[in-house]
N, C-alpha and C. Protein backbone atom coordinates (compact mmCIF):
# COMPACT_ATOMS: atom_id res chain seq x y z
N MET A 1 26.08 -123.09 3.69
CA MET A 1 26.34 -122.16 2.62
C MET A 1 27.73 -121.93 1.90
N SER A 2 28.76 -121.35 1.36
CA SER A 2 29.66 -121.19 1.31
C SER A 2 29.95 -120.19 0.72
N ARG A 3 31.23 -119.27 2.15
CA ARG A 3 31.38 -118.12 1.89
C ARG A 3 32.08 -117.92 0.31
N ILE A 4 31.89 -116.64 0.55
CA ILE A 4 32.75 -115.82 -1.19
C ILE A 4 33.65 -114.94 -0.57
N ARG A 5 35.37 -115.60 -0.87
CA ARG A 5 36.03 -114.59 -0.39
C ARG A 5 36.61 -114.19 -1.29
N LEU A 6 36.38 -112.83 -0.72
CA LEU A 6 36.66 -111.02 -1.33
C LEU A 6 38.03 -111.62 -1.88
N VAL A 7 38.74 -111.30 -1.26
CA VAL A 7 40.22 -110.89 -1.24
C VAL A 7 40.85 -111.94 -3.05
N PRO A 8 40.73 -113.27 -2.73
CA PRO A 8 41.11 -113.79 -3.85
C PRO A 8 40.08 -113.44 -5.22
N ILE A 9 38.90 -112.93 -5.08
CA ILE A 9 38.27 -112.11 -6.61
C ILE A 9 38.73 -110.93 -6.98
N ILE A 10 39.21 -110.27 -6.24
CA ILE A 10 39.85 -108.95 -6.34
C ILE A 10 41.28 -109.03 -6.82
N PHE A 11 42.01 -109.86 -6.21
CA PHE A 11 43.10 -110.43 -6.42
C PHE A 11 42.81 -111.17 -8.49
N ILE A 12 42.03 -111.97 -8.61
CA ILE A 12 41.98 -112.38 -10.01
C ILE A 12 41.59 -110.77 -10.83
N MET A 13 40.56 -110.23 -10.36
CA MET A 13 40.40 -109.30 -11.33
C MET A 13 41.36 -108.30 -11.87
N LEU A 14 41.91 -108.03 -10.72
CA LEU A 14 43.33 -107.15 -10.73
C LEU A 14 44.82 -107.74 -12.00
N VAL A 15 44.64 -109.14 -11.47
CA VAL A 15 45.56 -109.76 -12.57
C VAL A 15 44.86 -109.94 -14.41
N SER A 16 43.70 -110.23 -14.36
CA SER A 16 42.76 -110.30 -15.32
C SER A 16 43.23 -108.95 -15.90
N LEU A 17 42.94 -107.61 -15.44
CA LEU A 17 42.91 -106.14 -16.02
C LEU A 17 44.35 -106.34 -16.34
N VAL A 18 45.51 -106.69 -15.61
CA VAL A 18 47.42 -106.33 -16.24
C VAL A 18 47.30 -106.94 -17.53
N VAL A 19 46.76 -108.14 -17.19
CA VAL A 19 47.18 -109.14 -18.44
C VAL A 19 45.98 -108.87 -19.74
N LEU A 20 45.14 -108.07 -19.41
CA LEU A 20 44.68 -107.72 -20.75
C LEU A 20 45.16 -106.34 -21.47
N PHE A 21 45.38 -105.68 -20.46
CA PHE A 21 46.03 -104.13 -20.40
C PHE A 21 47.36 -104.37 -21.01
N GLY A 22 47.93 -105.25 -21.09
CA GLY A 22 49.28 -105.43 -21.44
C GLY A 22 49.42 -106.18 -22.84
N GLY A 23 48.25 -107.28 -22.62
CA GLY A 23 47.98 -107.89 -24.59
C GLY A 23 47.48 -107.06 -25.00
N TRP A 24 47.10 -105.63 -24.93
CA TRP A 24 46.52 -104.61 -25.55
C TRP A 24 47.54 -103.86 -25.71
N GLN A 25 48.47 -103.33 -25.33
CA GLN A 25 48.96 -102.47 -25.43
C GLN A 25 50.23 -103.20 -26.12
N ALA A 26 50.54 -104.60 -26.28
CA ALA A 26 51.73 -105.27 -26.81
C ALA A 26 51.30 -105.13 -28.32
N TYR A 27 50.23 -105.88 -28.51
CA TYR A 27 49.23 -105.59 -29.66
C TYR A 27 49.19 -104.31 -30.51
N GLN A 28 49.04 -103.28 -30.01
CA GLN A 28 49.37 -101.87 -30.72
C GLN A 28 50.68 -101.45 -30.86
N ARG A 29 51.44 -102.01 -30.00
CA ARG A 29 53.14 -101.82 -30.52
C ARG A 29 53.61 -102.20 -31.49
N LEU A 30 53.26 -103.89 -31.93
CA LEU A 30 53.76 -104.89 -32.40
C LEU A 30 53.23 -104.92 -33.76
N ASN A 31 51.89 -104.40 -33.76
CA ASN A 31 50.79 -104.74 -34.76
C ASN A 31 50.49 -103.03 -35.87
N LEU A 32 50.65 -102.14 -35.03
CA LEU A 32 50.52 -101.35 -35.72
C LEU A 32 51.80 -99.63 -35.57
N VAL A 33 52.04 -99.36 -34.40
CA VAL A 33 53.10 -99.00 -34.12
C VAL A 33 54.46 -98.97 -34.55
N ASN A 34 55.09 -100.07 -34.69
CA ASN A 34 56.36 -100.41 -35.20
C ASN A 34 56.33 -100.39 -36.52
N PRO A 35 55.42 -101.20 -37.37
CA PRO A 35 54.91 -101.49 -38.70
C PRO A 35 54.97 -100.32 -39.44
N LEU A 36 54.29 -99.12 -38.85
CA LEU A 36 54.24 -97.58 -38.94
C LEU A 36 55.45 -96.93 -39.26
N LYS A 37 55.87 -97.43 -37.79
CA LYS A 37 57.62 -96.20 -38.13
C LYS A 37 58.64 -96.77 -39.31
N THR A 38 58.26 -98.73 -39.07
CA THR A 38 59.17 -99.05 -40.18
C THR A 38 58.87 -98.35 -41.80
N LYS A 39 57.71 -98.70 -41.84
CA LYS A 39 57.45 -97.82 -43.57
C LYS A 39 57.27 -96.57 -43.65
N LEU A 40 57.15 -95.95 -42.57
CA LEU A 40 57.70 -94.36 -42.56
C LEU A 40 58.96 -94.05 -42.93
N GLN A 41 59.85 -94.95 -42.43
CA GLN A 41 60.95 -94.63 -42.17
C GLN A 41 62.16 -95.17 -43.66
N THR A 42 60.89 -95.45 -44.65
CA THR A 42 61.37 -96.01 -45.99
C THR A 42 61.13 -95.06 -46.72
N ILE A 43 60.37 -93.95 -46.31
CA ILE A 43 60.13 -92.50 -47.59
C ILE A 43 61.29 -92.31 -47.21
N GLN A 44 61.24 -91.60 -48.47
CA GLN A 44 63.01 -90.27 -49.00
C GLN A 44 63.03 -89.39 -48.30
N GLY A 45 63.79 -88.94 -47.28
CA GLY A 45 63.73 -87.47 -46.69
C GLY A 45 63.15 -87.64 -45.13
N VAL A 46 62.64 -89.10 -44.86
CA VAL A 46 62.48 -88.93 -43.46
C VAL A 46 63.71 -89.59 -42.57
N GLN A 47 64.21 -88.71 -41.51
CA GLN A 47 65.31 -88.87 -40.81
C GLN A 47 64.93 -89.83 -39.71
N SER A 48 63.50 -89.68 -39.00
CA SER A 48 63.28 -90.38 -37.76
C SER A 48 61.70 -89.99 -37.99
N VAL A 49 61.18 -91.12 -36.52
CA VAL A 49 60.13 -91.10 -37.21
C VAL A 49 59.29 -91.18 -35.25
N GLN A 50 58.65 -90.52 -34.74
CA GLN A 50 57.82 -90.90 -33.55
C GLN A 50 56.42 -91.37 -33.54
N VAL A 51 55.82 -92.02 -32.76
CA VAL A 51 54.62 -92.25 -32.83
C VAL A 51 53.96 -92.59 -31.45
N VAL A 52 52.74 -91.92 -30.63
CA VAL A 52 52.50 -92.22 -29.70
C VAL A 52 51.13 -92.60 -29.97
N ASN A 53 51.20 -94.02 -29.36
CA ASN A 53 49.23 -94.13 -29.55
C ASN A 53 48.65 -94.14 -28.67
N GLY A 54 47.40 -92.87 -29.22
CA GLY A 54 46.55 -92.39 -28.32
C GLY A 54 44.94 -92.32 -29.06
N ASN A 55 44.35 -91.34 -28.57
CA ASN A 55 43.52 -90.81 -28.83
C ASN A 55 43.47 -89.25 -28.98
N PRO A 56 43.72 -88.74 -30.40
CA PRO A 56 44.35 -89.20 -31.20
C PRO A 56 46.05 -89.51 -31.61
N ASN A 57 46.26 -90.19 -32.40
CA ASN A 57 47.72 -90.69 -32.23
C ASN A 57 48.62 -89.55 -32.72
N VAL A 58 49.83 -89.33 -31.82
CA VAL A 58 51.02 -87.93 -32.05
C VAL A 58 51.55 -89.09 -33.29
N ILE A 59 51.91 -88.15 -34.47
CA ILE A 59 53.03 -88.67 -35.45
C ILE A 59 54.03 -87.45 -35.26
N THR A 60 55.09 -88.06 -35.21
CA THR A 60 56.15 -86.74 -35.45
C THR A 60 57.04 -87.32 -36.32
N VAL A 61 57.55 -86.42 -37.75
CA VAL A 61 58.34 -87.17 -38.58
C VAL A 61 59.18 -85.93 -38.82
N GLN A 62 60.41 -86.07 -38.71
CA GLN A 62 61.61 -85.59 -38.66
C GLN A 62 62.38 -86.08 -39.97
N LEU A 63 62.45 -84.77 -40.62
CA LEU A 63 62.58 -84.76 -42.07
C LEU A 63 64.32 -83.93 -42.44
N GLY A 64 64.72 -84.61 -43.24
CA GLY A 64 66.13 -83.44 -43.93
C GLY A 64 65.80 -83.28 -45.12
N LYS A 65 66.25 -82.58 -45.57
CA LYS A 65 66.45 -81.70 -46.73
C LYS A 65 65.54 -82.44 -47.87
N VAL A 66 64.11 -82.06 -48.66
CA VAL A 66 63.99 -82.79 -49.71
C VAL A 66 63.53 -81.91 -50.54
N LYS A 67 63.09 -82.49 -52.10
CA LYS A 67 63.69 -81.36 -52.90
C LYS A 67 61.96 -80.96 -52.90
N ASP A 68 60.98 -82.17 -52.43
CA ASP A 68 59.59 -81.71 -52.86
C ASP A 68 58.64 -82.04 -51.70
N LEU A 69 58.17 -80.81 -51.20
CA LEU A 69 57.67 -81.06 -49.50
C LEU A 69 56.42 -82.30 -49.70
N GLN A 70 55.40 -81.61 -51.28
CA GLN A 70 54.47 -82.07 -51.30
C GLN A 70 54.34 -83.83 -51.41
N THR A 71 55.33 -84.36 -52.55
CA THR A 71 55.17 -85.33 -52.62
C THR A 71 55.80 -86.27 -51.43
N THR A 72 56.44 -85.55 -50.46
CA THR A 72 57.02 -86.36 -49.34
C THR A 72 55.60 -86.42 -48.16
N TYR A 73 54.96 -85.37 -47.91
CA TYR A 73 53.81 -85.36 -47.47
C TYR A 73 52.92 -86.23 -47.99
N HIS A 74 52.35 -86.09 -49.07
CA HIS A 74 51.75 -87.22 -49.52
C HIS A 74 51.78 -88.88 -49.31
N SER A 75 53.37 -88.93 -49.40
CA SER A 75 53.74 -90.56 -48.70
C SER A 75 53.73 -90.65 -47.79
N LEU A 76 53.93 -90.00 -46.53
CA LEU A 76 53.45 -90.24 -45.60
C LEU A 76 52.08 -89.97 -45.20
N THR A 77 51.26 -89.46 -45.52
CA THR A 77 49.47 -89.13 -45.12
C THR A 77 49.17 -91.01 -45.77
N GLN A 78 49.63 -91.08 -47.39
CA GLN A 78 49.16 -92.60 -47.79
C GLN A 78 49.16 -93.82 -47.05
N THR A 79 50.85 -93.56 -46.85
CA THR A 79 51.33 -94.70 -45.86
C THR A 79 50.26 -94.75 -44.46
N ILE A 80 50.16 -93.55 -43.70
CA ILE A 80 49.21 -93.60 -42.39
C ILE A 80 47.96 -93.83 -42.78
N THR A 81 47.10 -93.84 -43.89
CA THR A 81 46.12 -93.84 -44.00
C THR A 81 46.06 -95.66 -44.01
N GLU A 82 46.86 -96.27 -44.58
CA GLU A 82 47.05 -97.36 -45.34
C GLU A 82 47.31 -98.36 -43.90
N THR A 83 48.34 -97.77 -43.02
CA THR A 83 48.47 -98.46 -41.37
C THR A 83 47.33 -98.23 -40.63
N LEU A 84 46.57 -97.24 -40.39
CA LEU A 84 45.98 -97.08 -38.99
C LEU A 84 44.41 -96.55 -40.20
N GLY A 85 43.88 -96.79 -40.98
CA GLY A 85 43.02 -96.75 -41.43
C GLY A 85 41.93 -95.39 -41.79
N SER A 86 42.88 -94.35 -41.24
CA SER A 86 42.37 -92.93 -41.52
C SER A 86 43.39 -92.17 -41.09
N ASN A 87 42.90 -90.96 -41.79
CA ASN A 87 44.34 -89.55 -41.90
C ASN A 87 44.42 -89.08 -40.43
N GLN A 88 45.80 -89.27 -40.35
CA GLN A 88 45.70 -88.93 -38.80
C GLN A 88 46.85 -87.28 -39.04
N PRO A 89 46.70 -86.45 -38.00
CA PRO A 89 47.32 -85.52 -38.33
C PRO A 89 48.64 -85.80 -38.16
N ILE A 90 50.00 -84.89 -38.51
CA ILE A 90 51.41 -85.17 -38.73
C ILE A 90 52.16 -84.13 -38.49
N THR A 91 53.17 -84.08 -37.23
CA THR A 91 53.56 -82.98 -36.99
C THR A 91 55.13 -83.31 -37.68
N ILE A 92 55.72 -81.85 -38.72
CA ILE A 92 56.58 -82.35 -39.21
C ILE A 92 57.83 -81.57 -38.73
N LEU A 93 59.15 -82.03 -38.09
CA LEU A 93 60.12 -81.42 -37.81
C LEU A 93 61.21 -80.86 -38.95
N ASP A 94 62.21 -80.24 -38.89
CA ASP A 94 62.91 -79.44 -39.77
C ASP A 94 63.96 -79.24 -39.49
N HIS A 95 64.68 -78.38 -39.47
CA HIS A 95 65.98 -77.87 -39.09
C HIS A 95 65.76 -76.29 -39.39
N ARG A 96 65.17 -75.83 -38.76
CA ARG A 96 65.04 -74.12 -39.06
C ARG A 96 66.10 -73.74 -37.79
N ASN A 97 66.26 -72.17 -38.11
CA ASN A 97 66.99 -71.27 -37.29
C ASN A 97 66.26 -70.13 -37.17
N SER A 98 66.34 -69.00 -36.65
CA SER A 98 65.77 -67.98 -36.02
C SER A 98 65.53 -67.41 -37.10
N ILE A 99 66.36 -66.94 -37.95
CA ILE A 99 66.13 -66.24 -39.20
C ILE A 99 64.97 -66.57 -40.03
N LEU A 100 65.02 -68.09 -40.50
CA LEU A 100 64.11 -68.63 -41.29
C LEU A 100 62.73 -68.25 -40.63
N THR A 101 62.67 -68.82 -39.56
CA THR A 101 61.53 -68.69 -38.86
C THR A 101 60.57 -67.50 -38.81
N GLN A 102 61.49 -66.25 -38.52
CA GLN A 102 61.22 -64.80 -38.94
C GLN A 102 60.81 -64.69 -40.47
N ASP A 103 61.46 -65.35 -41.35
CA ASP A 103 61.11 -65.23 -42.67
C ASP A 103 60.06 -66.08 -43.24
N ASP A 104 59.81 -66.47 -42.26
CA ASP A 104 58.43 -67.35 -42.70
C ASP A 104 57.06 -66.69 -42.16
N GLU A 105 57.42 -66.07 -41.28
CA GLU A 105 56.41 -64.98 -40.47
C GLU A 105 56.02 -64.20 -41.21
N SER A 106 56.93 -63.64 -41.84
CA SER A 106 56.73 -61.86 -42.98
C SER A 106 55.98 -62.54 -44.07
N LEU A 107 56.23 -64.08 -44.70
CA LEU A 107 55.53 -64.47 -45.59
C LEU A 107 53.79 -64.95 -45.46
N GLN A 108 53.94 -65.12 -44.22
CA GLN A 108 52.68 -65.65 -43.60
C GLN A 108 51.53 -64.73 -44.31
N PRO A 109 51.65 -63.32 -44.09
CA PRO A 109 50.29 -62.14 -44.45
C PRO A 109 50.21 -62.94 -45.99
N ILE A 110 51.25 -62.44 -46.73
CA ILE A 110 51.21 -63.24 -48.13
C ILE A 110 50.15 -64.32 -48.44
N ILE A 111 50.51 -65.46 -47.81
CA ILE A 111 49.74 -66.72 -47.79
C ILE A 111 47.95 -66.16 -47.31
N LEU A 112 48.32 -66.11 -46.65
CA LEU A 112 46.99 -66.02 -45.85
C LEU A 112 46.09 -65.03 -46.87
N GLU A 113 46.55 -64.05 -47.27
CA GLU A 113 45.65 -63.07 -47.89
C GLU A 113 45.41 -63.71 -49.76
N GLY A 114 46.56 -64.22 -50.03
CA GLY A 114 46.25 -65.36 -50.81
C GLY A 114 45.42 -66.20 -51.37
N LEU A 115 45.52 -66.89 -49.80
CA LEU A 115 44.35 -68.14 -49.88
C LEU A 115 42.87 -67.62 -49.56
N ALA A 116 42.73 -66.46 -48.66
CA ALA A 116 41.47 -66.01 -48.50
C ALA A 116 40.97 -65.19 -49.71
N LYS A 117 41.83 -64.40 -50.65
CA LYS A 117 41.00 -63.81 -52.11
C LYS A 117 41.03 -64.72 -52.97
N GLY A 118 41.82 -66.03 -52.99
CA GLY A 118 41.53 -66.75 -54.10
C GLY A 118 42.72 -67.07 -55.27
N ASN A 119 43.54 -65.88 -55.10
CA ASN A 119 44.87 -65.36 -55.88
C ASN A 119 46.03 -66.24 -55.56
N TYR A 120 45.79 -67.46 -56.27
CA TYR A 120 46.99 -68.69 -55.70
C TYR A 120 48.14 -68.10 -56.86
N VAL A 121 47.86 -67.97 -57.61
CA VAL A 121 49.34 -67.74 -58.77
C VAL A 121 49.80 -66.38 -58.38
N GLU A 122 49.52 -65.65 -58.14
CA GLU A 122 49.47 -64.30 -57.99
C GLU A 122 50.23 -64.36 -56.18
N MET A 123 49.69 -65.15 -55.36
CA MET A 123 50.33 -65.47 -54.41
C MET A 123 51.12 -65.87 -54.03
N ILE A 124 51.23 -67.32 -55.09
CA ILE A 124 52.82 -67.77 -55.17
C ILE A 124 54.03 -66.51 -55.73
N LEU A 125 53.55 -65.69 -56.81
CA LEU A 125 54.71 -65.12 -57.62
C LEU A 125 54.84 -63.98 -55.86
N GLN A 126 54.17 -63.45 -55.29
CA GLN A 126 54.60 -62.42 -54.26
C GLN A 126 55.24 -62.96 -53.22
N VAL A 127 55.28 -64.41 -52.80
CA VAL A 127 56.23 -64.72 -51.50
C VAL A 127 57.70 -65.05 -52.32
N LYS A 128 57.57 -65.34 -53.70
CA LYS A 128 59.03 -65.99 -54.41
C LYS A 128 59.69 -64.41 -54.38
N GLN A 129 58.82 -63.66 -54.80
CA GLN A 129 59.45 -61.92 -54.87
C GLN A 129 59.84 -61.61 -53.24
N ALA A 130 59.50 -61.53 -52.47
CA ALA A 130 59.41 -61.59 -50.89
C ALA A 130 60.36 -62.38 -50.53
N ALA A 131 60.72 -63.70 -51.25
CA ALA A 131 61.78 -64.41 -50.02
C ALA A 131 63.22 -63.58 -51.07
N VAL A 132 63.23 -63.79 -52.38
CA VAL A 132 64.10 -62.91 -53.36
C VAL A 132 64.49 -62.12 -52.33
N LYS A 133 63.66 -60.79 -51.84
CA LYS A 133 64.52 -59.83 -51.17
C LYS A 133 64.95 -60.13 -49.43
N LEU A 134 64.58 -61.40 -49.06
CA LEU A 134 65.08 -61.77 -47.83
C LEU A 134 66.20 -62.91 -47.96
N GLY A 135 66.63 -63.27 -49.16
CA GLY A 135 67.76 -63.69 -49.43
C GLY A 135 67.78 -65.37 -49.05
N ILE A 136 66.97 -65.70 -49.34
CA ILE A 136 66.22 -67.10 -49.08
C ILE A 136 65.88 -68.06 -50.15
N ASN A 137 65.84 -68.82 -50.27
CA ASN A 137 65.19 -69.85 -51.51
C ASN A 137 63.76 -70.41 -50.91
N VAL A 138 63.05 -70.62 -51.62
CA VAL A 138 61.61 -70.86 -51.31
C VAL A 138 61.11 -71.78 -52.36
N ARG A 139 60.40 -72.49 -52.34
CA ARG A 139 59.13 -73.38 -52.85
C ARG A 139 57.65 -73.49 -52.61
N VAL A 140 56.76 -73.29 -53.30
CA VAL A 140 56.00 -72.95 -52.63
C VAL A 140 54.90 -74.00 -53.62
N THR A 141 54.24 -74.76 -53.49
CA THR A 141 53.26 -75.50 -54.17
C THR A 141 52.05 -75.77 -53.23
N MET A 142 50.68 -76.53 -53.85
CA MET A 142 49.62 -76.57 -53.12
C MET A 142 49.20 -77.85 -53.99
N ASP A 143 47.78 -78.45 -53.24
CA ASP A 143 46.99 -79.30 -53.73
C ASP A 143 46.07 -78.31 -53.87
N SER A 144 44.25 -79.71 -53.02
CA SER A 144 43.03 -78.97 -53.25
C SER A 144 42.84 -79.19 -51.53
N GLN A 145 43.76 -79.26 -50.70
CA GLN A 145 44.13 -78.84 -49.25
C GLN A 145 44.93 -78.15 -48.66
N ASN A 146 45.92 -78.44 -49.35
CA ASN A 146 47.27 -77.84 -48.58
C ASN A 146 48.30 -77.06 -49.20
N VAL A 147 48.90 -76.04 -48.33
CA VAL A 147 49.75 -75.33 -49.09
C VAL A 147 51.51 -75.53 -48.50
N PHE A 148 51.80 -76.28 -49.31
CA PHE A 148 53.21 -76.58 -48.69
C PHE A 148 54.28 -75.35 -49.17
N VAL A 149 55.19 -75.10 -48.31
CA VAL A 149 56.03 -74.00 -48.08
C VAL A 149 57.34 -74.39 -47.54
N GLN A 150 58.42 -74.23 -48.58
CA GLN A 150 59.55 -74.97 -47.71
C GLN A 150 60.78 -73.22 -48.43
N LEU A 151 61.32 -73.32 -47.30
CA LEU A 151 62.31 -72.31 -47.37
C LEU A 151 63.64 -73.03 -46.87
N GLU A 152 64.48 -72.51 -47.55
CA GLU A 152 66.49 -72.94 -47.39
C GLU A 152 67.13 -71.60 -47.56
N GLN A 153 68.23 -71.82 -46.45
CA GLN A 153 68.75 -70.92 -46.36
C GLN A 153 70.33 -71.39 -46.06
N GLY A 154 71.20 -71.62 -46.54
CA GLY A 154 72.64 -72.51 -46.24
C GLY A 154 72.26 -73.91 -45.63
N SER A 155 72.24 -74.37 -44.76
CA SER A 155 72.22 -75.87 -44.48
C SER A 155 70.65 -75.85 -43.33
N TYR A 156 70.36 -74.68 -42.97
CA TYR A 156 68.67 -74.95 -42.77
C TYR A 156 67.78 -74.63 -43.47
N TYR A 157 66.65 -75.28 -43.03
CA TYR A 157 65.38 -75.33 -43.81
C TYR A 157 64.41 -75.77 -42.72
N LEU A 158 63.33 -75.01 -43.54
CA LEU A 158 61.84 -74.65 -43.09
C LEU A 158 60.82 -75.56 -43.96
N TYR A 159 59.59 -76.40 -43.24
CA TYR A 159 59.09 -76.53 -44.03
C TYR A 159 57.53 -76.46 -43.23
N ASP A 160 56.25 -76.07 -44.02
CA ASP A 160 55.20 -75.58 -43.70
C ASP A 160 54.66 -76.15 -44.26
N VAL A 161 53.43 -76.80 -43.47
CA VAL A 161 52.17 -77.65 -44.39
C VAL A 161 50.95 -76.75 -43.52
N GLN A 162 50.20 -75.72 -44.60
CA GLN A 162 48.80 -75.09 -44.31
C GLN A 162 47.62 -75.41 -44.82
N SER A 163 46.47 -75.94 -43.91
CA SER A 163 45.45 -76.86 -44.87
C SER A 163 44.63 -75.51 -44.98
N TYR A 164 43.76 -75.37 -46.11
CA TYR A 164 42.84 -74.36 -46.28
C TYR A 164 41.69 -75.09 -47.52
N HIS A 165 40.78 -74.62 -47.53
CA HIS A 165 39.61 -75.07 -48.28
C HIS A 165 39.35 -73.96 -49.51
N LEU A 166 38.69 -74.85 -50.48
CA LEU A 166 38.30 -74.23 -51.66
C LEU A 166 36.97 -73.66 -51.73
N PRO A 167 37.02 -72.19 -51.95
CA PRO A 167 35.66 -71.79 -51.99
C PRO A 167 35.07 -72.51 -52.38
N GLY A 168 33.30 -72.39 -51.72
CA GLY A 168 32.34 -73.66 -52.57
C GLY A 168 32.20 -75.17 -52.13
N THR A 169 33.37 -75.44 -51.47
CA THR A 169 33.45 -76.86 -51.40
C THR A 169 33.49 -77.36 -49.70
N GLY A 170 32.47 -78.73 -49.48
CA GLY A 170 32.18 -78.81 -47.99
C GLY A 170 30.90 -78.43 -47.70
N GLY A 171 30.15 -77.80 -48.62
CA GLY A 171 28.65 -77.76 -48.01
C GLY A 171 27.21 -78.99 -48.81
N ALA A 172 26.54 -78.91 -48.63
CA ALA A 172 25.23 -79.78 -48.77
C ALA A 172 25.16 -78.91 -50.36
N ALA A 173 24.86 -79.78 -51.21
CA ALA A 173 24.79 -79.48 -52.57
C ALA A 173 23.14 -79.68 -53.24
N SER A 174 22.78 -78.73 -54.01
CA SER A 174 21.50 -78.22 -53.68
C SER A 174 21.02 -78.95 -54.98
């Protein structure tokens, strides 16, 4: 009867695992992450992109000043969906300072109240009026899923994307 040698079997298993894991990582990096980064960097306003592959993927995008955050955000999500096959969360980095952060915090109650009550037009008007009092430029736009807030003051800018759900959506129909 022949003897089974345990050391060579374990060694072969370890080498196989290393090769398979390395191949998987190379596939992920070369066929998913790098093409996604390249595509995202072609979108106007994108300064840099960082993609950490995992479950879920972590996608961080540094934006420069953009004219319309909503359009830029839709381009980002569409590119990510086309590449990865599903919508992934995006972290948007901007160039904010403490003043803009405080101003954004002071505008949040207006936005949250407007979303809760469904008074979208009134909410946008109130945000614009409050921004004038604070001495900042503001642009607020919406789609059926997100509110896009752009604050600017001098060379600083803050971008905020807030998800919301329209009343009466997302349930079973009778």
